[in-house]
Amino acid sequence: MDRQMSDADLLISPSPSPPPLFHCDYTDWSPSFSIIPSVYLLAFLVGCLGNTLVWKALLRPHFQNLALADLCFLVTLPLWAVYTAMGYHWPFGQPLCQISSFLTALNMYASVFSLSMLSVERYWVLTGRRHSGHHAPRRCPSRALWILGGVWALAGVLALPGLLLRSPRAEMWWMAALSLKSTLIGFLLPLVILLVCYCSLAQLLSRHFGQGPRPDRRRQRRLLRVIVTLVMAFFLCWLPLHVNKTVSMLLEFGFVPYSCSLDQILLAAQPYVTCLAYLNSCLNPLLYAACDPSFRKRCRGALLMLCRTSRRGAEGAREGKKDEGEEEKEERSSAFPTRTQETDRTVEEMVGEVGGMVAEG
């Protein structure tokens, strides 16, 4: 695992590997073995809590799908934290390495495809509204499920190299092809689709959408603002990593004139751009909370319900312990009489003995 050998390779910080014909000084290369693992663990805690709330509070399938993709990746963050803290040494064995790499790539593809489907759905709804007299076209639950299933199937197929080809014998050209594939299909192609989609939506909103009812316009604009914010956050978080790994590959294969200073800059930036990309999975719930007041209300309601449930459980446990204590006390009192009971029994025995003596006399 010390070398990254699959589609998820350059999603993870590598060790320095300059070309053999060049001798660069890497003695000053010292990535943070404490700050980045701490950030990973914090992102794990915040992201798991936030995406669980998103799953509970937002009932839209596409948002739930995005939260599920983030949760699938977030469960691997503690492993990446240990990996980084140990100087990029993987102590968990080959199978867990393959599974973690697969989930990392799966998250990237599933997230960007979910965002693309969200944007296309908004475009379809708003253009359908314009042609049908400001009434949204009917949604088909079965079609939404088929679309989500297709998103996960495509993401799983594209992420398979991280599961199957994670071995030290992977060829460098194969690595480059997989890296190029992840950049083209997982970043540039969705970016083009989203740009076309949102440019068309901007024209539509400026020309036609202002004619609908005011509450409906407000709700649609808020939803569109949330989606645009999520899309911008995704691309801003992942852009530095894709630029870094693409330039590194071009440098490695001689398409860009080799420079020690450039290679050192890319190597020094790699852990931090990777960390920024990973943080995207915990940012989405915070962006929902910042952009959508209804989401904040639902989160407060979900947290209050959780607190009430836990409080009732604690009270029930205390009452159960109290009842058990009272039962044990009664059992002890029946098995071991108190001093008053013993005194009463002694008095009764003495009275009985005196009565017996009188009867004998």
Protein backbone atom coordinates (compact mmCIF):
# COMPACT_ATOMS: atom_id res chain seq x y z
CA MET A 1 0.00 0.00 0.00
CA ASP A 2 3.06 2.25 0.12
CA ARG A 3 2.55 2.84 -3.61
CA GLN A 4 -0.83 3.75 -5.07
CA MET A 5 -1.67 1.39 -7.90
CA SER A 6 -5.21 1.88 -9.10
CA ASP A 7 -7.90 4.29 -10.16
CA ALA A 8 -7.89 5.71 -6.64
CA ASP A 9 -4.10 6.13 -6.71
CA LEU A 10 -3.75 9.82 -6.87
CA LEU A 11 -6.73 10.37 -4.62
CA ILE A 12 -4.28 9.44 -1.86
CA SER A 13 -0.97 11.04 -0.95
CA PRO A 14 1.99 9.23 -2.54
CA SER A 15 5.58 8.85 -1.52
CA PRO A 16 8.15 10.85 -3.52
CA SER A 17 9.23 9.04 -6.68
CA PRO A 18 11.35 11.22 -9.00
CA PRO A 19 12.47 9.81 -12.35
CA PRO A 20 15.73 7.86 -12.09
CA LEU A 21 17.60 10.16 -14.51
CA PHE A 22 17.06 13.17 -12.28
CA HIS A 23 18.31 13.65 -8.75
CA CYS A 24 16.22 16.09 -6.77
CA ASP A 25 16.67 16.83 -3.11
CA TYR A 26 13.63 15.58 -1.18
CA THR A 27 15.15 15.88 2.28
CA ASP A 28 12.98 18.91 3.05
CA TRP A 29 9.81 17.01 2.12
CA SER A 30 8.00 16.54 5.42
CA PRO A 31 4.21 16.32 5.15
CA SER A 32 2.16 16.83 8.26
CA PHE A 33 1.71 13.53 10.07
CA SER A 34 -0.46 15.09 12.78
CA ILE A 35 -2.57 17.90 11.29
CA ILE A 36 -4.01 15.95 8.36
CA PRO A 37 -4.98 12.86 10.42
CA SER A 38 -6.67 15.17 12.94
CA VAL A 39 -8.61 16.85 10.12
CA TYR A 40 -9.64 13.43 8.79
CA LEU A 41 -10.97 12.33 12.19
CA LEU A 42 -12.85 15.61 12.65
CA ALA A 43 -14.34 15.28 9.16
CA PHE A 44 -15.36 11.71 10.01
CA LEU A 45 -17.29 12.81 13.12
CA VAL A 46 -18.91 15.90 11.58
CA GLY A 47 -19.65 14.18 8.28
CA CYS A 48 -21.25 11.06 9.77
CA LEU A 49 -23.51 13.11 12.04
CA GLY A 50 -24.40 15.64 9.33
CA ASN A 51 -25.09 13.13 6.56
CA THR A 52 -27.19 11.00 8.91
CA LEU A 53 -29.29 14.09 9.63
CA VAL A 54 -29.55 14.75 5.89
CA TRP A 55 -30.78 11.20 5.37
CA LYS A 56 -33.41 11.63 8.09
CA ALA A 57 -34.47 15.23 7.40
CA LEU A 58 -34.40 15.49 3.60
CA LEU A 59 -36.87 13.19 1.88
CA ARG A 60 -35.68 13.91 -1.66
CA PRO A 61 -34.10 10.74 -3.13
CA HIS A 62 -31.27 12.57 -4.90
CA PHE A 63 -30.15 14.33 -1.71
CA GLN A 64 -30.39 11.08 0.23
CA ASN A 65 -28.37 9.40 -2.50
CA LEU A 66 -25.66 12.04 -2.17
CA ALA A 67 -25.62 11.60 1.62
CA LEU A 68 -25.31 7.82 1.22
CA ALA A 69 -22.35 8.24 -1.14
CA ASP A 70 -20.64 10.50 1.41
CA LEU A 71 -21.31 8.07 4.27
CA CYS A 72 -19.82 5.17 2.28
CA PHE A 73 -16.59 7.11 2.02
CA LEU A 74 -16.57 8.67 5.49
CA VAL A 75 -16.38 5.27 7.19
CA THR A 76 -12.91 4.85 5.61
CA LEU A 77 -11.53 8.17 6.89
CA PRO A 78 -10.19 6.74 10.19
CA LEU A 79 -8.17 4.25 8.11
CA TRP A 80 -6.73 7.04 5.96
CA ALA A 81 -5.97 9.00 9.15
CA VAL A 82 -3.91 6.10 10.51
CA TYR A 83 -2.27 5.61 7.10
CA THR A 84 -1.20 9.27 7.00
CA ALA A 85 -0.09 9.37 10.65
CA MET A 86 2.17 6.35 10.04
CA GLY A 87 4.05 8.11 7.25
CA TYR A 88 1.87 6.72 4.43
CA HIS A 89 2.29 3.12 5.51
CA TRP A 90 -0.82 0.91 5.34
CA PRO A 91 -1.00 -1.49 8.31
CA PHE A 92 -4.44 -3.02 7.66
CA GLY A 93 -3.65 -5.56 4.96
CA GLN A 94 -4.35 -5.86 1.24
CA PRO A 95 -8.13 -6.65 1.32
CA LEU A 96 -8.99 -3.60 3.43
CA CYS A 97 -6.73 -1.49 1.24
CA GLN A 98 -8.67 -2.58 -1.84
CA ILE A 99 -12.06 -2.00 -0.22
CA SER A 100 -11.07 1.47 1.04
CA SER A 101 -9.71 2.47 -2.37
CA PHE A 102 -12.89 1.21 -4.02
CA LEU A 103 -15.10 3.23 -1.63
CA THR A 104 -12.97 6.34 -2.21
CA ALA A 105 -13.42 6.16 -5.98
CA LEU A 106 -17.08 5.12 -5.59
CA ASN A 107 -17.76 8.24 -3.52
CA MET A 108 -16.22 10.53 -6.14
CA TYR A 109 -18.20 9.03 -9.02
CA ALA A 110 -21.49 8.61 -7.12
CA SER A 111 -21.30 12.17 -5.76
CA VAL A 112 -20.62 13.87 -9.07
CA PHE A 113 -23.21 11.74 -10.89
CA SER A 114 -25.80 12.47 -8.18
CA LEU A 115 -25.12 16.20 -8.49
CA SER A 116 -25.44 15.92 -12.26
CA MET A 117 -28.78 14.12 -11.92
CA LEU A 118 -29.98 16.77 -9.45
CA SER A 119 -29.12 19.51 -11.91
CA VAL A 120 -30.66 17.74 -14.88
CA GLU A 121 -33.81 17.09 -12.84
CA ARG A 122 -34.08 20.80 -11.93
CA TYR A 123 -33.62 21.71 -15.58
CA TRP A 124 -36.27 19.19 -16.63
CA VAL A 125 -38.72 20.37 -13.94
CA LEU A 126 -38.32 24.08 -14.72
CA THR A 127 -38.45 23.68 -18.49
CA GLY A 128 -41.48 21.39 -18.12
CA ARG A 129 -43.07 24.02 -15.86
CA ARG A 130 -42.57 26.69 -18.49
CA HIS A 131 -44.21 24.60 -21.22
CA SER A 132 -47.09 23.42 -18.99
CA GLY A 133 -48.20 26.78 -17.65
CA HIS A 134 -46.10 26.99 -14.45
CA HIS A 135 -47.14 23.55 -13.23
CA ALA A 136 -44.39 21.09 -12.50
CA PRO A 137 -44.49 17.86 -14.49
CA ARG A 138 -45.44 14.79 -12.53
CA ARG A 139 -42.66 12.85 -10.93
CA CYS A 140 -42.38 9.14 -11.49
CA PRO A 141 -40.98 7.32 -8.42
CA SER A 142 -40.08 4.24 -10.42
CA ARG A 143 -38.12 6.33 -12.91
CA ALA A 144 -36.25 8.07 -10.07
CA LEU A 145 -35.31 4.68 -8.62
CA TRP A 146 -34.09 3.48 -12.00
CA ILE A 147 -31.97 6.62 -12.39
CA LEU A 148 -30.45 6.24 -8.92
CA GLY A 149 -29.78 2.57 -9.57
CA GLY A 150 -28.04 3.50 -12.81
CA VAL A 151 -25.93 6.11 -11.00
CA TRP A 152 -24.69 3.54 -8.47
CA ALA A 153 -24.14 0.85 -11.10
CA LEU A 154 -22.06 3.18 -13.28
CA ALA A 155 -20.12 4.50 -10.28
CA GLY A 156 -19.44 0.94 -9.10
CA VAL A 157 -18.14 -0.16 -12.50
CA LEU A 158 -15.87 2.88 -12.81
CA ALA A 159 -14.55 2.35 -9.26
CA LEU A 160 -13.81 -1.37 -9.77
CA PRO A 161 -10.12 -0.85 -10.69
CA GLY A 162 -9.55 0.32 -7.11
CA LEU A 163 -10.81 -3.06 -5.92
CA LEU A 164 -9.26 -5.35 -8.53
CA LEU A 165 -5.98 -3.72 -9.50
CA ARG A 166 -4.64 -2.59 -6.14
CA SER A 167 -1.32 -4.42 -6.29
CA PRO A 168 2.37 -3.43 -6.49
CA ARG A 169 2.66 -5.04 -9.97
CA ALA A 170 0.37 -2.53 -11.70
CA GLU A 171 2.04 -0.91 -14.69
CA MET A 172 2.73 2.82 -14.75
CA TRP A 173 0.95 3.32 -18.07
CA TRP A 174 -2.10 1.50 -16.73
CA MET A 175 -2.01 3.81 -13.72
CA ALA A 176 -1.87 6.81 -16.02
CA ALA A 177 -4.82 5.56 -18.09
CA LEU A 178 -6.92 5.03 -14.96
CA SER A 179 -5.99 8.43 -13.60
CA LEU A 180 -6.90 10.08 -16.90
CA LYS A 181 -10.20 8.18 -16.93
CA SER A 182 -11.10 9.40 -13.43
CA THR A 183 -10.34 12.99 -14.40
CA LEU A 184 -12.28 12.89 -17.67
CA ILE A 185 -15.34 10.89 -16.57
CA GLY A 186 -15.41 11.84 -12.90
CA PHE A 187 -14.65 15.55 -13.27
CA LEU A 188 -14.46 17.18 -16.70
CA LEU A 189 -17.46 15.52 -18.37
CA PRO A 190 -19.83 16.27 -15.44
CA LEU A 191 -18.43 19.80 -15.33
CA VAL A 192 -19.35 20.38 -18.98
CA ILE A 193 -22.84 18.92 -18.45
CA LEU A 194 -23.42 21.09 -15.38
CA LEU A 195 -22.16 24.26 -17.07
CA VAL A 196 -24.50 23.74 -20.03
CA CYS A 197 -27.36 22.90 -17.70
CA TYR A 198 -26.94 25.93 -15.44
CA CYS A 199 -26.34 28.39 -18.26
CA SER A 200 -29.64 27.26 -19.77
CA LEU A 201 -31.34 27.50 -16.38
CA ALA A 202 -30.01 31.02 -15.84
CA GLN A 203 -31.53 32.14 -19.14
CA LEU A 204 -34.79 30.39 -18.31
CA LEU A 205 -35.06 31.99 -14.87
CA SER A 206 -34.31 35.46 -16.18
CA ARG A 207 -36.89 35.24 -18.99
CA HIS A 208 -39.81 33.10 -17.89
CA PHE A 209 -39.71 31.89 -14.32
CA GLY A 210 -40.57 35.25 -12.72
CA GLN A 211 -44.15 34.90 -13.97
CA GLY A 212 -45.12 32.10 -11.54
CA PRO A 213 -46.65 32.41 -8.04
CA ARG A 214 -44.36 34.14 -5.53
CA PRO A 215 -44.19 31.33 -2.88
CA ASP A 216 -43.47 28.77 -5.58
CA ARG A 217 -40.78 30.98 -7.11
CA ARG A 218 -39.16 31.41 -3.71
CA ARG A 219 -39.12 27.68 -3.05
CA GLN A 220 -37.69 26.84 -6.48
CA ARG A 221 -35.02 29.51 -6.22
CA ARG A 222 -33.98 28.25 -2.78
CA LEU A 223 -33.73 24.68 -4.03
CA LEU A 224 -31.74 25.82 -7.05
CA ARG A 225 -29.42 27.82 -4.79
CA VAL A 226 -28.76 24.74 -2.66
CA ILE A 227 -27.91 22.63 -5.73
CA VAL A 228 -25.63 25.30 -7.23
CA THR A 229 -23.82 25.64 -3.89
CA LEU A 230 -23.29 21.86 -3.67
CA VAL A 231 -21.97 21.74 -7.24
CA MET A 232 -19.57 24.63 -6.66
CA ALA A 233 -18.31 23.08 -3.42
CA PHE A 234 -17.69 19.73 -5.12
CA PHE A 235 -15.69 21.19 -7.98
CA LEU A 236 -13.73 23.62 -5.79
CA CYS A 237 -12.78 20.78 -3.44
CA TRP A 238 -11.79 18.31 -6.17
CA LEU A 239 -10.26 20.69 -8.74
CA PRO A 240 -6.84 21.10 -7.00
CA LEU A 241 -6.41 17.33 -6.70
CA HIS A 242 -7.24 16.66 -10.35
CA VAL A 243 -4.91 19.46 -11.48
CA ASN A 244 -2.13 18.15 -9.25
CA LYS A 245 -2.36 14.54 -10.38
CA THR A 246 -2.72 15.47 -14.07
CA VAL A 247 0.36 17.71 -14.04
CA SER A 248 2.25 15.03 -12.08
CA MET A 249 1.43 12.44 -14.75
CA LEU A 250 2.42 14.79 -17.57
CA LEU A 251 5.68 15.45 -15.75
CA GLU A 252 6.27 11.75 -15.11
CA PHE A 253 5.89 10.79 -18.78
CA GLY A 254 7.83 13.71 -20.21
CA PHE A 255 4.93 15.62 -21.75
CA VAL A 256 6.01 18.56 -19.59
CA PRO A 257 9.73 19.44 -19.26
CA TYR A 258 10.95 17.98 -15.99
CA SER A 259 11.71 20.46 -13.24
CA CYS A 260 12.79 19.58 -9.72
CA SER A 261 11.16 22.68 -8.28
CA LEU A 262 7.82 21.89 -9.97
CA ASP A 263 7.99 18.26 -8.84
CA GLN A 264 8.73 19.35 -5.28
CA ILE A 265 5.79 21.79 -5.32
CA LEU A 266 3.43 19.09 -6.60
CA LEU A 267 4.70 16.61 -4.03
CA ALA A 268 4.39 19.10 -1.17
CA ALA A 269 0.85 20.06 -2.21
CA GLN A 270 -0.38 16.48 -2.72
CA PRO A 271 -1.36 15.69 0.92
CA TYR A 272 -3.24 18.96 1.29
CA VAL A 273 -5.18 18.84 -1.99
CA THR A 274 -6.12 15.25 -1.13
CA CYS A 275 -7.33 16.40 2.28
CA LEU A 276 -9.38 19.17 0.66
CA ALA A 277 -11.05 16.67 -1.68
CA TYR A 278 -11.89 14.37 1.22
CA LEU A 279 -13.42 17.25 3.18
CA ASN A 280 -16.14 17.63 0.56
CA SER A 281 -18.01 14.68 2.06
CA CYS A 282 -18.51 16.48 5.37
CA LEU A 283 -19.20 19.91 3.83
CA ASN A 284 -22.50 19.06 2.16
CA PRO A 285 -24.63 18.94 5.36
CA LEU A 286 -23.13 22.27 6.48
CA LEU A 287 -24.05 23.78 3.11
CA TYR A 288 -27.61 22.47 3.43
CA ALA A 289 -27.85 24.12 6.85
CA ALA A 290 -26.46 27.41 5.52
CA CYS A 291 -28.70 27.61 2.45
CA ASP A 292 -31.96 25.95 3.45
CA PRO A 293 -33.97 27.18 6.49
CA SER A 294 -36.39 24.25 6.22
CA PHE A 295 -33.46 21.84 6.56
CA ARG A 296 -32.39 23.59 9.76
CA LYS A 297 -35.92 23.20 11.17
CA ARG A 298 -36.02 19.52 10.29
CA CYS A 299 -32.60 18.97 11.84
CA ARG A 300 -33.71 20.64 15.06
CA GLY A 301 -36.82 18.46 15.08
CA ALA A 302 -34.75 15.32 14.44
CA LEU A 303 -32.28 16.22 17.20
CA LEU A 304 -35.10 16.98 19.66
CA MET A 305 -36.73 13.65 18.85
CA LEU A 306 -33.40 11.90 19.32
CA CYS A 307 -32.86 13.63 22.67
CA ARG A 308 -36.37 12.72 23.82
CA THR A 309 -35.90 9.12 22.77
CA SER A 310 -32.57 8.85 24.57
CA ARG A 311 -34.02 10.56 27.65
CA ARG A 312 -36.97 8.17 27.71
CA GLY A 313 -34.60 5.26 27.34
CA ALA A 314 -32.46 6.53 30.22
CA GLU A 315 -35.52 7.09 32.40
CA GLY A 316 -36.82 3.64 31.55
CA ALA A 317 -33.46 2.13 32.43
CA ARG A 318 -33.42 4.02 35.75
CA GLU A 319 -36.98 2.92 36.55
CA GLY A 320 -36.08 -0.64 35.69
CA LYS A 321 -33.07 -0.52 37.98
CA LYS A 322 -35.22 1.04 40.70
CA ASP A 323 -37.83 -1.72 40.39
CA GLU A 324 -35.11 -4.34 40.45
CA GLY A 325 -33.63 -2.71 43.55
CA GLU A 326 -36.98 -2.74 45.32
CA GLU A 327 -37.54 -6.39 44.43
CA GLU A 328 -34.07 -7.30 45.68
CA LYS A 329 -34.74 -5.34 48.86
CA GLU A 330 -37.99 -7.23 49.43
CA GLU A 331 -36.23 -10.53 48.81
CA ARG A 332 -33.46 -9.63 51.25
CA SER A 333 -36.01 -8.53 53.85
CA SER A 334 -37.84 -11.83 53.50
CA ALA A 335 -34.67 -13.91 53.62
CA PHE A 336 -32.85 -11.86 56.25
CA PRO A 337 -35.26 -10.38 58.88
CA THR A 338 -34.57 -6.96 60.27
CA ARG A 339 -33.72 -6.30 63.92
CA THR A 340 -37.31 -5.21 64.65
CA GLN A 341 -38.63 -8.42 63.14
CA GLU A 342 -36.16 -10.45 65.20
CA THR A 343 -37.18 -8.57 68.39
CA ASP A 344 -40.86 -9.19 67.69
CA ARG A 345 -40.14 -12.85 67.06
CA THR A 346 -38.14 -13.12 70.32
CA VAL A 347 -40.98 -11.52 72.32
CA GLU A 348 -43.47 -13.93 70.76
CA GLU A 349 -41.23 -16.89 71.62
CA MET A 350 -40.85 -15.68 75.22
CA VAL A 351 -44.60 -15.25 75.59
CA GLY A 352 -45.09 -18.72 74.16
CA GLU A 353 -42.59 -20.21 76.60
CA VAL A 354 -44.23 -18.46 79.59
CA GLY A 355 -47.63 -19.70 78.45
CA GLY A 356 -46.25 -23.22 78.24
CA MET A 357 -44.80 -23.05 81.75
CA VAL A 358 -48.11 -21.79 83.15
CA ALA A 359 -49.95 -24.61 81.42
CA GLU A 360 -47.55 -27.19 82.84
CA GLY A 361 -47.91 -25.73 86.32
